[in-house]
Protein backbone atom coordinates (compact mmCIF):
# COMPACT_ATOMS: atom_id res chain seq x y z
CA MET A 1 138.72 93.88 106.17
CA ASP A 2 136.42 91.39 107.77
CA THR A 3 136.51 87.64 107.48
CA GLN A 4 133.59 86.34 105.42
CA ASP A 5 132.28 82.96 104.29
CA THR A 6 132.62 82.68 100.50
CA ARG A 7 130.46 79.59 99.95
CA GLY A 8 127.76 80.35 97.44
CA ALA A 9 129.08 83.90 96.90
CA PRO A 10 127.47 85.42 93.82
CA ALA A 11 129.33 86.91 90.91
CA LEU A 12 129.40 90.67 90.60
CA ALA A 13 126.07 92.02 91.81
CA LEU A 14 126.40 95.78 91.62
CA ARG A 15 123.11 97.61 91.87
CA GLY A 16 123.14 99.97 88.90
CA GLY A 17 126.17 101.48 87.26
CA ALA A 18 127.00 98.89 84.59
CA GLY A 19 130.15 100.85 83.75
CA VAL A 20 131.36 100.58 87.34
CA GLU A 21 130.58 96.85 87.25
CA ARG A 22 132.72 96.26 84.19
CA ALA A 23 135.53 98.45 85.52
CA LEU A 24 135.66 96.62 88.86
CA ASN A 25 135.79 93.18 87.27
CA ALA A 26 138.42 94.27 84.76
CA ALA A 27 140.59 95.91 87.43
CA ALA A 28 140.41 92.92 89.80
CA ASN A 29 141.36 90.40 87.14
CA GLN A 30 144.10 92.57 85.67
CA VAL A 31 145.74 92.97 89.06
CA LEU A 32 145.54 89.23 89.76
CA ALA A 33 147.02 88.54 86.31
CA VAL A 34 150.03 90.69 87.27
CA VAL A 35 150.66 89.33 90.78
CA ALA A 36 149.54 85.72 90.23
CA PRO A 37 149.77 85.02 86.48
CA ALA A 38 149.71 81.23 86.80
CA THR A 39 146.65 80.68 88.98
CA SER A 40 144.77 83.68 87.56
CA ARG A 41 144.42 81.67 84.34
CA LEU A 42 142.30 79.17 86.23
CA VAL A 43 140.08 81.48 88.27
CA GLN A 44 138.20 84.71 87.74
CA ALA A 45 137.83 87.37 90.40
CA ALA A 46 134.28 88.50 91.18
CA VAL A 47 133.26 91.71 92.92
CA THR A 48 130.10 92.06 95.00
CA VAL A 49 128.65 95.10 96.73
CA ALA A 50 127.34 93.85 100.09
CA GLU A 51 125.83 95.45 103.16
CA ALA A 52 128.96 95.77 105.26
CA ASP A 53 130.94 98.49 107.00
CA THR A 54 134.24 97.69 105.27
CA ALA A 55 135.59 95.92 102.21
CA SER A 56 136.84 92.33 102.40
CA THR A 57 138.23 89.58 100.18
CA ASP A 58 139.04 85.89 100.15
CA GLY A 59 141.35 86.29 97.19
CA VAL A 60 138.85 85.52 94.45
CA HIS A 61 135.68 87.22 95.69
CA ILE A 62 135.90 90.85 96.76
CA TRP A 63 133.15 92.54 98.75
CA LEU A 64 132.75 96.32 98.77
CA PRO A 65 130.43 98.37 100.96
CA PRO A 66 127.58 100.14 99.13
CA ALA A 67 128.64 103.53 100.50
CA PHE A 68 131.98 105.01 101.54
CA GLU A 69 132.36 108.40 103.23
CA GLY A 70 129.20 109.69 101.53
CA TYR A 71 129.97 108.23 98.08
CA ASP A 72 127.73 105.70 96.32
CA VAL A 73 130.16 102.91 95.48
CA THR A 74 127.83 101.49 92.82
CA GLN A 75 127.94 104.74 90.87
CA ASP A 76 131.36 106.28 91.56
CA ALA A 77 133.94 104.30 89.57
CA PRO A 78 137.12 105.98 90.92
CA VAL A 79 136.17 105.45 94.57
CA ALA A 80 134.93 101.90 93.90
CA ILE A 81 138.10 100.88 92.08
CA GLY A 82 140.23 102.61 94.71
CA LEU A 83 138.57 100.57 97.46
CA LEU A 84 139.17 97.45 95.41
CA ALA A 85 142.84 98.33 94.95
CA HIS A 86 143.22 99.02 98.66
CA GLU A 87 141.73 95.62 99.44
CA LEU A 88 144.04 93.80 97.06
CA GLY A 89 147.02 95.47 98.72
CA HIS A 90 146.21 93.66 101.98
CA PHE A 91 145.96 90.42 100.00
CA LEU A 92 149.73 90.65 99.44
CA GLN A 93 150.69 91.20 103.08
CA PRO A 94 151.65 88.81 105.94
CA LEU A 95 148.66 89.66 108.13
CA GLU A 96 149.07 86.69 110.48
CA ALA A 97 152.68 87.65 111.19
CA ILE A 98 151.57 91.23 111.93
CA GLN A 99 148.95 89.95 114.37
CA GLN A 100 151.63 87.86 116.08
CA VAL A 101 153.82 90.95 116.57
CA GLU A 102 150.83 92.82 118.02
CA GLN A 103 150.31 90.06 120.60
CA GLU A 104 154.00 89.82 121.48
CA THR A 105 154.73 93.54 121.79
CA GLY A 106 151.40 95.10 122.77
CA ALA A 107 151.43 97.28 119.67
CA PRO A 108 148.02 98.93 119.23
CA HIS A 109 145.87 97.62 116.41
CA TRP A 110 145.41 101.08 114.89
CA LEU A 111 149.17 101.38 114.43
CA ALA A 112 149.37 98.07 112.56
CA ASN A 113 146.34 99.08 110.50
CA ILE A 114 147.91 102.37 109.36
CA LEU A 115 151.24 100.68 108.69
CA LEU A 116 149.56 98.09 106.46
CA ASP A 117 147.47 100.70 104.64
CA ILE A 118 150.54 102.77 103.73
CA GLN A 119 152.54 99.82 102.43
CA GLY A 120 149.60 98.15 100.70
CA GLU A 121 148.60 101.22 98.70
CA ALA A 122 152.22 101.96 97.77
CA GLN A 123 152.70 98.35 96.64
CA VAL A 124 149.57 98.24 94.49
CA ALA A 125 150.36 101.58 92.83
CA CYS A 126 153.88 100.32 92.09
CA LEU A 127 152.70 97.02 90.62
CA PHE A 128 149.82 98.53 88.66
CA PRO A 129 150.38 102.29 88.12
CA PRO A 130 146.91 103.02 86.62
CA LEU A 131 145.46 102.30 90.09
CA ALA A 132 147.28 105.28 91.62
CA VAL A 133 144.46 107.57 90.44
CA PRO A 134 141.53 105.69 92.08
CA LEU A 135 143.57 105.21 95.26
CA THR A 136 143.96 108.98 95.35
CA ALA A 137 140.18 109.30 94.92
CA VAL A 138 139.65 107.20 98.06
CA ARG A 139 142.10 109.31 100.04
CA ASN A 140 140.39 112.47 98.78
CA ALA A 141 137.06 111.12 100.06
CA VAL A 142 138.52 110.54 103.52
CA ASN A 143 140.25 113.92 103.49
CA ARG A 144 136.97 115.73 102.86
CA ALA A 145 135.05 113.69 105.42
CA ARG A 146 137.53 113.33 108.29
CA MET A 147 140.53 115.64 108.06
CA ALA A 148 138.83 118.32 110.14
CA GLU A 149 138.31 115.73 112.88
CA TYR A 150 142.01 114.80 112.94
CA LEU A 151 143.09 118.45 113.08
CA ALA A 152 140.61 119.15 115.88
CA GLU A 153 142.05 116.26 117.91
CA LEU A 154 145.54 117.69 117.52
CA ARG A 155 144.46 121.21 118.49
CA GLN A 156 142.59 119.83 121.48
CA GLY A 157 145.70 117.94 122.51
CA ALA A 158 147.65 121.18 122.37
CA ASP A 159 145.06 122.98 124.49
CA CYS A 160 144.75 120.31 127.20
CA VAL A 161 147.26 120.41 130.00
CA GLY A 162 148.92 117.04 130.51
CA THR A 163 148.47 115.75 126.95
CA ASP A 164 151.45 113.65 125.96
CA PHE A 165 152.78 112.11 122.74
CA ALA A 166 150.58 109.02 123.02
CA GLY A 167 147.45 111.16 123.26
CA VAL A 168 147.94 112.72 119.82
CA ALA A 169 149.85 109.96 117.98
CA CYS A 170 146.85 108.34 116.27
CA ALA A 171 145.41 111.67 115.07
CA ALA A 172 148.83 112.74 113.74
CA ALA A 173 149.27 109.43 111.89
CA LEU A 174 145.81 109.60 110.31
CA ALA A 175 146.45 113.19 109.26
CA GLY A 176 149.63 111.97 107.60
CA ARG A 177 147.60 109.38 105.72
CA PHE A 178 145.08 111.81 104.24
CA ALA A 179 146.53 115.33 104.26
CA GLN A 180 148.43 114.97 100.98
CA THR A 181 146.25 112.60 99.01
CA ALA A 182 148.54 112.04 96.03
CA GLN A 183 150.65 109.71 98.24
CA PRO A 184 149.77 106.96 100.76
CA PHE A 185 151.49 108.94 103.51
CA ALA A 186 153.08 112.35 104.06
CA ALA A 187 155.48 112.46 107.03
CA GLU A 188 155.79 116.26 106.96
CA TRP A 189 152.16 117.05 106.19
CA TYR A 190 152.12 119.78 108.83
CA SER A 191 154.49 121.87 106.66
CA LEU A 192 151.94 122.11 103.85
CA PRO A 193 150.42 125.60 103.47
CA ALA A 194 146.95 124.43 104.52
CA TYR A 195 148.23 123.04 107.83
CA ARG A 196 151.14 125.32 108.64
CA ALA A 197 149.49 126.59 111.82
CA LEU A 198 149.98 123.13 113.31
CA ALA A 199 153.69 123.26 112.57
CA ALA A 200 153.94 126.07 115.13
CA VAL A 201 151.92 123.95 117.58
CA PHE A 202 154.30 121.03 117.13
CA ASP A 203 157.26 123.33 117.69
CA ALA A 204 155.75 124.69 120.87
CA GLU A 205 154.49 121.48 122.49
CA PRO A 206 156.85 119.21 124.46
CA TRP A 207 155.53 116.22 122.50
CA GLY A 208 155.88 117.94 119.10
CA GLN A 209 159.36 116.68 118.24
CA GLN A 210 158.44 113.14 119.20
CA VAL A 211 155.39 113.30 116.89
CA LYS A 212 157.63 114.39 114.01
CA GLU A 213 160.05 111.54 114.67
CA PHE A 214 157.17 109.07 114.84
CA LEU A 215 155.74 110.27 111.52
CA GLY A 216 159.15 109.96 109.89
CA THR A 217 159.55 106.39 111.12
CA LEU A 218 156.02 105.44 110.05
CA ALA A 219 156.73 106.80 106.55
CA ALA A 220 159.27 104.00 106.04
CA ALA A 221 156.33 101.66 105.34
CA HIS A 222 156.02 103.30 101.91
CA TRP A 223 159.33 101.72 100.82
CA THR A 224 159.19 98.49 102.82
CA ALA A 225 158.81 95.04 101.27
CA ALA A 226 155.80 93.09 102.52
CA LYS A 227 157.95 90.47 104.24
CA GLU A 228 159.66 93.20 106.31
CA LEU A 229 156.44 94.70 107.69
CA PRO A 230 156.38 92.65 110.94
CA GLY A 231 159.93 93.78 111.66
CA LEU A 232 159.04 97.42 111.00
CA LEU A 233 156.07 97.23 113.39
CA ARG A 234 158.32 95.73 116.07
CA GLN A 235 160.89 98.49 115.50
CA ILE A 236 158.29 101.26 115.82
CA ILE A 237 156.84 99.97 119.08
CA GLU A 238 160.34 99.51 120.53
CA GLN A 239 161.24 103.09 119.57
CA PHE A 240 157.94 104.51 120.86
CA PRO A 241 156.72 102.24 123.70
CA GLU A 242 154.25 104.94 124.80
CA LEU A 243 152.08 103.90 121.84
CA LYS A 244 150.99 100.76 123.69
CA ALA A 245 148.58 102.92 125.70
CA ALA A 246 147.68 105.38 122.93
CA PRO A 247 143.95 106.00 122.38
CA THR A 248 142.53 105.28 118.95
CA LEU A 249 140.23 107.03 116.48
CA PRO A 250 137.87 105.24 114.07
CA MET A 251 139.75 103.78 111.10
CA PRO A 252 138.09 104.98 107.85
CA LEU A 253 139.16 101.91 105.87
CA GLY A 254 138.32 99.21 108.37
CA ASP A 255 140.22 96.29 109.80
CA PRO A 256 142.64 94.52 107.42
CA LYS A 257 141.86 90.81 107.53
CA VAL A 258 141.88 88.38 104.60
CA ALA A 259 140.28 84.95 104.86
CA ALA A 260 141.81 83.20 101.84
CA ARG A 261 140.53 79.68 101.28
CA GLY A 262 140.20 77.25 98.38
CA THR A 263 141.25 78.72 95.05
CA GLY A 264 141.67 82.10 96.74
CA GLN A 265 144.38 80.64 98.93
CA ALA A 266 146.23 79.29 95.88
CA VAL A 267 146.12 82.74 94.28
CA GLN A 268 147.35 84.35 97.49
CA VAL A 269 150.27 81.93 97.88
CA GLU A 270 151.46 82.68 94.35
CA ALA A 271 150.88 86.43 94.69
CA GLN A 272 152.76 86.72 97.97
CA GLY A 273 155.57 84.53 96.68
CA ASN A 274 156.02 86.87 93.72
CA THR A 275 155.82 90.20 95.54
CA ARG A 276 156.80 89.79 99.19
CA GLU A 277 160.49 90.64 98.65
CA ARG A 278 159.93 93.64 96.37
CA GLU A 279 160.07 97.10 97.88
CA PRO A 280 157.46 99.46 96.44
CA LEU A 281 159.15 101.90 94.05
CA ASP A 282 158.01 105.45 93.55
CA SER A 283 156.66 106.12 90.08
CA GLN A 284 158.77 108.02 87.56
CA GLU A 285 157.62 111.27 86.06
CA LEU A 286 156.59 110.90 82.41
CA LYS A 287 157.35 113.71 79.99
CA GLU A 288 156.01 113.79 76.44
CA LEU A 289 158.19 115.78 74.04
CA ALA A 290 157.52 117.05 70.54
CA VAL A 291 160.72 116.29 68.61
CA GLN A 292 161.79 116.23 64.98
CA PRO A 293 163.82 113.10 64.21
CA GLY A 294 167.16 113.46 62.48
CA PRO A 295 168.90 111.00 60.15
CA PRO A 296 169.98 107.67 61.67
CA GLU A 297 173.58 106.88 62.40
CA PRO A 298 175.26 105.31 59.33
CA ASP A 299 176.31 102.26 61.35
CA ALA A 300 172.70 101.80 62.49
CA VAL A 301 171.54 101.67 58.85
CA THR A 302 174.15 99.03 58.01
CA ILE A 303 173.33 96.87 61.02
CA ALA A 304 169.58 97.19 60.42
CA ARG A 305 169.98 95.61 56.97
CA ALA A 306 171.60 92.60 58.60
CA ILE A 307 168.90 92.06 61.23
CA ARG A 308 165.69 93.01 59.42
CA LEU A 309 165.07 89.43 58.25
CA ARG A 310 164.50 88.52 61.88
CA PHE A 311 161.39 90.69 61.81
CA ALA A 312 160.16 89.69 58.37
CA VAL A 313 156.66 88.23 58.54
CA PRO A 314 155.93 85.81 55.68
CA LYS A 315 152.40 84.82 54.82
CA GLY A 316 151.11 81.50 56.07
CA GLY A 317 149.37 78.97 53.84
CA VAL A 318 148.20 75.38 53.58
CA GLU A 319 147.35 72.94 50.80
CA VAL A 320 144.55 70.37 51.00
CA VAL A 321 143.36 67.50 48.79
CA ALA A 322 140.29 68.90 47.03
CA PRO A 323 139.05 69.95 43.60
CA GLY A 324 141.12 72.90 42.46
CA ARG A 325 144.19 72.32 40.29
CA LEU A 326 145.62 69.18 38.75
CA ASP A 327 148.71 67.72 40.36
CA ARG A 328 150.37 66.06 37.34
CA ARG A 329 152.74 63.92 39.39
CA GLU A 330 149.86 62.47 41.44
CA ALA A 331 147.94 61.81 38.23
CA ALA A 332 150.92 60.03 36.58
CA ARG A 333 151.42 57.79 39.62
CA GLY A 334 147.70 57.06 39.92
CA ASP A 335 147.78 57.63 43.65
CA GLY A 336 144.84 59.19 45.44
CA ILE A 337 143.04 62.23 44.14
CA PRO A 338 145.31 64.28 41.86
CA PHE A 339 143.67 67.58 42.71
CA ARG A 340 145.00 70.21 45.12
CA LEU A 341 143.56 73.41 46.53
CA ASP A 342 145.65 76.23 48.01
CA LEU A 343 144.08 77.90 51.02
CA PRO A 344 145.60 81.25 51.94
CA GLY A 345 146.84 81.42 55.51
CA ARG A 346 146.53 84.46 57.69
CA SER A 347 149.59 86.60 58.14
CA ALA A 348 151.44 86.50 61.42
CA PRO A 349 151.04 89.71 63.47
CA ARG A 350 153.34 92.56 62.59
CA PRO A 351 156.29 92.92 64.95
CA GLN A 352 155.53 95.32 67.79
CA VAL A 353 158.49 96.54 69.82
CA VAL A 354 159.10 99.17 72.48
CA ILE A 355 162.76 100.24 72.64
CA CYS A 356 163.83 101.82 75.94
CA LEU A 357 167.14 103.68 75.75
CA ASP A 358 169.03 104.48 78.95
CA VAL A 359 170.34 108.07 78.93
CA SER A 360 171.25 108.22 82.62
CA GLU A 361 174.44 109.67 84.02
CA SER A 362 176.21 106.31 84.11
CA MET A 363 175.76 105.93 80.35
CA TRP A 364 177.74 109.12 79.70
CA THR A 365 180.89 108.06 81.55
CA SER A 366 182.45 107.56 78.14
CA LYS A 367 181.33 108.74 74.72
CA GLY A 368 181.58 105.22 73.33
CA LYS A 369 179.05 103.86 75.80
CA ILE A 370 176.13 106.12 74.89
CA GLY A 371 177.16 106.04 71.24
CA ALA A 372 176.97 102.24 71.09
CA ALA A 373 173.60 102.27 72.83
CA ARG A 374 172.21 104.84 70.37
CA ILE A 375 173.37 102.81 67.35
CA ALA A 376 171.90 99.59 68.75
CA ALA A 377 168.55 101.21 69.53
CA GLN A 378 168.30 102.83 66.10
CA ALA A 379 169.28 99.63 64.28
CA ILE A 380 166.52 97.63 65.97
CA ALA A 381 164.00 100.39 65.28
CA LEU A 382 164.94 100.58 61.59
CA ALA A 383 164.74 96.79 61.19
CA VAL A 384 161.28 96.63 62.74
CA ARG A 385 160.16 99.59 60.64
CA ASP A 386 161.41 97.94 57.43
CA ALA A 387 159.35 94.85 58.29
CA GLY A 388 156.21 96.99 58.54
CA GLY A 389 156.15 96.76 62.31
CA ASP A 390 155.28 99.20 65.06
CA VAL A 391 158.08 100.84 67.05
CA VAL A 392 157.79 102.93 70.19
CA GLY A 393 160.92 104.61 71.51
CA VAL A 394 161.40 106.01 75.03
CA LEU A 395 164.37 107.47 76.85
CA PHE A 396 164.84 107.08 80.59
CA ASP A 397 166.98 107.98 83.55
CA ASP A 398 165.19 108.93 86.79
CA THR A 399 162.34 110.23 84.62
CA TRP A 400 161.13 108.79 81.32
CA LEU A 401 160.52 110.54 78.04
CA ALA A 402 158.24 109.69 75.12
CA GLY A 403 157.53 111.40 71.85
CA ALA A 404 154.30 113.36 71.56
CA ASN A 405 152.79 110.68 69.30
CA TRP A 406 154.49 107.74 71.04
CA GLY A 407 156.47 106.79 67.96
CA ASP A 408 160.22 106.24 67.68
CA ALA A 409 161.24 109.86 66.95
CA LEU A 410 163.15 110.24 70.24
CA LEU A 411 165.60 107.51 69.24
CA PHE A 412 166.60 109.61 66.21
CA ALA A 413 166.52 113.05 67.82
CA PRO A 414 169.62 115.04 66.89
CA GLY A 415 171.89 116.71 69.40
CA SER A 416 172.66 115.73 72.96
CA TRP A 417 169.90 113.91 74.79
CA PRO A 418 168.69 115.17 78.16
CA THR A 419 169.92 113.43 81.28
CA GLU A 420 168.78 114.19 84.81
CA GLY A 421 170.18 111.54 87.10
CA GLY A 422 170.55 107.88 87.87
CA THR A 423 169.06 104.81 86.26
CA TYR A 424 165.59 103.85 87.46
CA PHE A 425 163.38 101.16 85.95
CA ALA A 426 160.09 101.78 87.79
CA PHE A 427 158.60 103.13 84.55
CA LEU A 428 158.44 99.57 83.21
CA ALA A 429 155.41 98.75 85.36
CA ASP A 430 153.53 101.52 83.54
CA LEU A 431 154.98 100.61 80.14
CA TRP A 432 154.00 96.93 80.41
CA ARG A 433 150.39 97.95 81.10
CA ARG A 434 150.32 100.49 78.24
CA TYR A 435 151.67 97.97 75.73
CA PRO A 436 150.50 94.49 76.80
CA SER A 437 151.36 92.86 73.44
CA HIS A 438 154.67 94.53 72.55
CA TRP A 439 158.16 93.12 72.95
CA VAL A 440 160.16 95.42 75.24
CA VAL A 441 163.88 95.92 74.58
CA LEU A 442 166.05 97.75 77.13
CA VAL A 443 169.32 99.24 75.85
CA THR A 444 171.16 100.04 79.07
CA ASP A 445 174.11 99.38 81.34
CA GLY A 446 171.61 97.84 83.79
CA ASP A 447 172.79 99.81 86.80
CA GLY A 448 169.63 100.75 88.70
CA TYR A 449 166.62 99.69 90.78
CA VAL A 450 164.27 97.24 89.06
CA PRO A 451 160.54 96.61 89.69
CA TYR A 452 158.67 93.35 90.10
CA ALA A 453 158.14 91.68 86.72
CA SER A 454 155.39 89.10 86.29
CA ALA A 455 156.27 85.96 84.33
CA PRO A 456 154.39 87.10 81.16
CA ASP A 457 156.00 90.56 81.28
CA ARG A 458 159.43 89.10 81.90
CA ALA A 459 158.98 86.68 78.99
CA ARG A 460 158.52 89.52 76.49
CA THR A 461 161.30 91.73 77.82
CA GLY A 462 164.94 91.61 76.78
CA ALA A 463 168.00 93.71 77.53
CA VAL A 464 170.99 94.79 75.47
CA VAL A 465 173.58 95.54 78.15
CA ILE A 466 176.39 97.93 77.23
CA PRO A 467 179.66 97.16 79.07
CA ASP A 468 180.61 97.77 81.76
CA GLY A 469 177.14 96.95 82.97
CA LYS A 470 175.14 94.68 85.24
CA PRO A 471 173.52 91.91 83.18
CA GLU A 472 172.69 90.02 86.39
CA LYS A 473 170.42 92.88 87.46
CA MET A 474 168.62 92.81 84.10
CA ALA A 475 168.16 89.04 84.39
CA GLU A 476 165.74 89.73 87.29
CA ILE A 477 163.23 91.35 84.92
CA CYS A 478 164.22 90.10 81.43
CA ASN A 479 163.83 86.71 79.83
CA SER A 480 166.84 87.31 77.56
CA VAL A 481 169.93 89.39 78.25
CA ILE A 482 172.86 89.96 75.91
CA VAL A 483 176.06 91.87 76.58
CA LEU A 484 176.90 93.92 73.48
CA LYS A 485 180.57 94.82 73.34
CA ASP A 486 180.27 96.11 69.77
CA PRO A 487 177.10 97.21 67.94
CA ARG A 488 178.27 95.19 64.92
CA ASP A 489 177.61 92.05 66.96
CA LEU A 490 173.90 92.88 67.06
CA PRO A 491 172.84 90.68 64.07
CA TRP A 492 173.82 87.42 65.73
CA ALA A 493 172.69 88.63 69.16
CA MET A 494 169.15 89.31 67.94
CA ALA A 495 168.48 85.58 67.83
CA LEU A 496 168.82 85.56 71.59
CA LEU A 497 166.97 88.80 72.19
CA ILE A 498 163.70 88.46 70.26
CA PRO A 499 162.39 85.17 68.79
CA ARG A 500 161.74 85.08 65.06
CA ALA A 501 158.14 85.76 64.07
CA ILE A 502 156.17 82.51 63.82
CA VAL A 503 154.02 81.91 60.75
CA ALA A 504 150.42 81.49 61.88
């Protein structure tokens, strides 16, 4: 990214493609609302297509080039939004600290650039899963335009006598970036069927093993927190000092530089403060299952009766002094105007709740643990249902499962529930975006990796922790956490978990 002066920058000025225009603005502001929820209330992001070689941003204004690898950015929404997402990834990174490491160690700029691109795209896709698709579109564009060039460089390096590791390192790294486009980086891209011939080259060349080790080390950027990036760059150049003299190839996504100033700087400070310590998590596979619900557990029915009043939504109303009906007491006292008029109030919104039930291996260590979790989840679902609310039920371990119609049928499915591994909460980033207005209730032992949770998402998320669990881990992503030793304690605990509906 290039530094640009933002004074007098226009609002979105896309030439043609009104749908792309709306999509870019919506995507930019949604991402800022996730990473900087406080300051994003005060400012609006604006996207401009400008005559430039690369994209750039100052935090509030984002500039995109009119063309990218043969694609018209003003007309191609996936590529345009992918470029935007890539740009916002750099907005979350300590670029000045990276530049300092470059100066101190002699690390080549292309190496820092690739390192930042890998981590930035992984971070954005983790924070905002819908952006994984347009980021893939950008990588597909580069793959089609430049992959042949990277492969040719590697074959030429194999054919030239005297070529060493440094001579092929940049081409190998760029091939890793764009060979397998579903991910920001593929360390073992040469083992894919389309590139298997190069695996034999790497095995035969004296520098081949060093290239493989380098790619494996570079892949660590995918799971590195932003604040750790300078240290990772220093580690790579210490492990492979030959890279200081390595030749470079043109970088398809430009030079990552952000010139945040004014309100953009305020947004950046908040965004980096929220995300810099969070390692990007890989997304969880989503499976949609067609299931027939069975009868609820008897204890769940009993407990639901005790907690359903918490979800009851009475009708609001107000009374004003006006011609309507005679107030006999006012008339007898002779005070004021003895007429009253009832104005119907609008009903408060129906309760909307997503219940996420942990079915991971740790929940099955004893029958009582998963049994208590099932009863608690069903009781909450029944109570919301009885109040006329909307309930979505999902199961999760290292994948996550939803019913075919995204109702609550999975919570009442008979028989043993599937379990495939450990507890993983990365699915929440996707769930929060799918259901931006629902309360989210986790029924879990809390033993697993957790994603970044923005303040608004954290405020509408609560956890019912089944002992022996880790409530402190859930407190990182939930506004309210209760430890439920017995499902029969759920009625009083609900007051802490979900606030009573407010009459509007």
